[in-house]
Amino acid sequence: MGTISAGFERSDARRHFHSVYTRTAQITELEALSAARVAELVAPGQVVLKLARRGFGVLLSGA
């Protein structure tokens, strides 16, 4: 019976790791996209036109 329980624990651990890994990858992508967007908005030029063209936010892949 211990083997079945250990199997479930390993399965849960794998799912948890995958969830954390995916979330970390999304946060990393969001940081990079946000930094690029801020750099674009602080660059010389007309900020209002930049905002009108693309909006303020960023879009994550797979969203």
N, C-alpha and C. Protein backbone atom coordinates (compact mmCIF):
# COMPACT_ATOMS: atom_id res chain seq x y z
N MET A 1 0.80 -1.19 0.00
CA MET A 1 0.00 0.00 0.00
C MET A 1 0.85 1.26 0.00
N GLY A 2 2.02 1.20 0.60
CA GLY A 2 2.89 2.36 0.63
C GLY A 2 3.33 2.78 -0.76
N THR A 3 3.46 1.82 -1.66
CA THR A 3 3.88 2.12 -3.03
C THR A 3 2.83 2.97 -3.75
N ILE A 4 1.56 2.65 -3.56
CA ILE A 4 0.50 3.42 -4.20
C ILE A 4 0.50 4.85 -3.66
N SER A 5 0.61 4.98 -2.36
CA SER A 5 0.64 6.30 -1.74
C SER A 5 1.83 7.11 -2.25
N ALA A 6 2.98 6.49 -2.33
CA ALA A 6 4.18 7.18 -2.82
C ALA A 6 3.99 7.59 -4.28
N GLY A 7 3.31 6.75 -5.05
CA GLY A 7 3.04 7.08 -6.45
C GLY A 7 2.17 8.31 -6.58
N PHE A 8 1.14 8.40 -5.73
CA PHE A 8 0.28 9.58 -5.74
C PHE A 8 1.07 10.83 -5.32
N GLU A 9 1.92 10.67 -4.34
CA GLU A 9 2.72 11.81 -3.88
C GLU A 9 3.66 12.30 -4.98
N ARG A 10 4.28 11.37 -5.68
CA ARG A 10 5.16 11.76 -6.79
C ARG A 10 4.36 12.45 -7.89
N SER A 11 3.19 11.92 -8.18
CA SER A 11 2.33 12.51 -9.21
C SER A 11 1.94 13.93 -8.81
N ASP A 12 1.55 14.11 -7.57
CA ASP A 12 1.19 15.45 -7.09
C ASP A 12 2.39 16.39 -7.15
N ALA A 13 3.56 15.89 -6.79
CA ALA A 13 4.77 16.71 -6.82
C ALA A 13 5.10 17.14 -8.25
N ARG A 14 4.94 16.22 -9.21
CA ARG A 14 5.20 16.56 -10.61
C ARG A 14 4.23 17.64 -11.09
N ARG A 15 2.97 17.49 -10.76
CA ARG A 15 1.97 18.50 -11.16
C ARG A 15 2.29 19.85 -10.53
N HIS A 16 2.64 19.83 -9.25
CA HIS A 16 2.97 21.08 -8.56
C HIS A 16 4.20 21.74 -9.20
N PHE A 17 5.25 20.95 -9.47
CA PHE A 17 6.45 21.49 -10.09
C PHE A 17 6.12 22.10 -11.45
N HIS A 18 5.33 21.40 -12.25
CA HIS A 18 4.96 21.91 -13.58
C HIS A 18 4.20 23.23 -13.45
N SER A 19 3.29 23.30 -12.48
CA SER A 19 2.52 24.51 -12.26
C SER A 19 3.43 25.68 -11.86
N VAL A 20 4.34 25.43 -10.95
CA VAL A 20 5.28 26.48 -10.50
C VAL A 20 6.20 26.88 -11.64
N TYR A 21 6.70 25.90 -12.40
CA TYR A 21 7.60 26.20 -13.52
C TYR A 21 6.88 27.04 -14.57
N THR A 22 5.64 26.68 -14.90
CA THR A 22 4.87 27.44 -15.88
C THR A 22 4.63 28.86 -15.39
N ARG A 23 4.27 29.00 -14.14
CA ARG A 23 4.02 30.33 -13.56
C ARG A 23 5.30 31.16 -13.58
N THR A 24 6.44 30.56 -13.24
CA THR A 24 7.71 31.28 -13.25
C THR A 24 8.05 31.73 -14.67
N ALA A 25 7.81 30.88 -15.65
CA ALA A 25 8.08 31.23 -17.04
C ALA A 25 7.19 32.40 -17.47
N GLN A 26 5.93 32.40 -17.04
CA GLN A 26 5.02 33.48 -17.38
C GLN A 26 5.46 34.79 -16.73
N ILE A 27 5.91 34.73 -15.50
CA ILE A 27 6.38 35.93 -14.81
C ILE A 27 7.62 36.47 -15.49
N THR A 28 8.52 35.59 -15.88
CA THR A 28 9.73 36.01 -16.59
C THR A 28 9.37 36.68 -17.91
N GLU A 29 8.43 36.09 -18.64
CA GLU A 29 8.00 36.68 -19.91
C GLU A 29 7.33 38.04 -19.67
N LEU A 30 6.51 38.14 -18.65
CA LEU A 30 5.83 39.39 -18.32
C LEU A 30 6.84 40.48 -17.96
N GLU A 31 7.87 40.12 -17.20
CA GLU A 31 8.92 41.09 -16.85
C GLU A 31 9.62 41.62 -18.09
N ALA A 32 9.97 40.73 -19.01
CA ALA A 32 10.66 41.13 -20.24
C ALA A 32 9.77 42.01 -21.12
N LEU A 33 8.52 41.60 -21.29
CA LEU A 33 7.61 42.39 -22.12
C LEU A 33 7.32 43.75 -21.51
N SER A 34 7.16 43.79 -20.19
CA SER A 34 6.89 45.05 -19.51
C SER A 34 8.08 46.00 -19.61
N ALA A 35 9.28 45.46 -19.43
CA ALA A 35 10.49 46.29 -19.54
C ALA A 35 10.63 46.87 -20.94
N ALA A 36 10.35 46.06 -21.96
CA ALA A 36 10.42 46.55 -23.34
C ALA A 36 9.37 47.62 -23.58
N ARG A 37 8.19 47.43 -23.03
CA ARG A 37 7.10 48.41 -23.21
C ARG A 37 7.44 49.72 -22.53
N VAL A 38 7.98 49.67 -21.32
CA VAL A 38 8.38 50.89 -20.61
C VAL A 38 9.48 51.60 -21.39
N ALA A 39 10.45 50.85 -21.91
CA ALA A 39 11.53 51.45 -22.70
C ALA A 39 10.95 52.16 -23.93
N GLU A 40 9.95 51.55 -24.55
CA GLU A 40 9.32 52.17 -25.72
C GLU A 40 8.61 53.47 -25.34
N LEU A 41 7.95 53.46 -24.19
CA LEU A 41 7.18 54.64 -23.78
C LEU A 41 8.06 55.78 -23.28
N VAL A 42 9.23 55.48 -22.74
CA VAL A 42 10.10 56.57 -22.27
C VAL A 42 11.05 57.06 -23.35
N ALA A 43 11.07 56.40 -24.49
CA ALA A 43 11.90 56.87 -25.61
C ALA A 43 11.34 58.18 -26.13
N PRO A 44 12.22 59.00 -26.71
CA PRO A 44 11.75 60.28 -27.25
C PRO A 44 10.63 60.07 -28.28
N GLY A 45 9.71 60.98 -28.27
CA GLY A 45 8.59 60.91 -29.21
C GLY A 45 7.29 61.21 -28.50
N GLN A 46 6.23 61.05 -29.23
CA GLN A 46 4.90 61.38 -28.70
C GLN A 46 4.27 60.16 -28.02
N VAL A 47 4.27 60.20 -26.71
CA VAL A 47 3.79 59.08 -25.91
C VAL A 47 2.30 58.82 -26.16
N VAL A 48 1.53 59.89 -26.30
CA VAL A 48 0.09 59.73 -26.48
C VAL A 48 -0.20 58.96 -27.76
N LEU A 49 0.54 59.23 -28.82
CA LEU A 49 0.34 58.49 -30.06
C LEU A 49 0.75 57.03 -29.91
N LYS A 50 1.83 56.79 -29.17
CA LYS A 50 2.24 55.40 -28.93
C LYS A 50 1.17 54.64 -28.16
N LEU A 51 0.59 55.31 -27.15
CA LEU A 51 -0.47 54.67 -26.37
C LEU A 51 -1.72 54.45 -27.21
N ALA A 52 -2.04 55.40 -28.07
CA ALA A 52 -3.22 55.27 -28.93
C ALA A 52 -3.04 54.11 -29.91
N ARG A 53 -1.82 53.92 -30.38
CA ARG A 53 -1.56 52.88 -31.37
C ARG A 53 -1.60 51.48 -30.76
N ARG A 54 -0.93 51.29 -29.62
CA ARG A 54 -0.79 49.93 -29.06
C ARG A 54 -1.43 49.76 -27.69
N GLY A 55 -1.94 50.79 -27.10
CA GLY A 55 -2.49 50.67 -25.74
C GLY A 55 -1.37 50.67 -24.72
N PHE A 56 -1.73 50.43 -23.48
CA PHE A 56 -0.73 50.51 -22.41
C PHE A 56 -0.17 49.16 -22.02
N GLY A 57 -0.95 48.11 -22.12
CA GLY A 57 -0.54 46.82 -21.60
C GLY A 57 0.33 46.00 -22.53
N VAL A 58 0.61 44.79 -22.10
CA VAL A 58 1.35 43.81 -22.88
C VAL A 58 0.52 42.53 -22.95
N LEU A 59 0.80 41.70 -23.94
CA LEU A 59 0.06 40.46 -24.11
C LEU A 59 1.02 39.27 -24.01
N LEU A 60 0.74 38.39 -23.08
CA LEU A 60 1.55 37.18 -22.90
C LEU A 60 1.24 36.19 -24.01
N SER A 61 2.24 35.42 -24.41
CA SER A 61 2.00 34.39 -25.41
C SER A 61 1.03 33.35 -24.85
N GLY A 62 0.17 32.88 -25.67
CA GLY A 62 -0.81 31.89 -25.25
C GLY A 62 -2.01 32.49 -24.53
N ALA A 63 -2.07 33.80 -24.46
CA ALA A 63 -3.20 34.44 -23.76
C ALA A 63 -4.35 34.71 -24.71
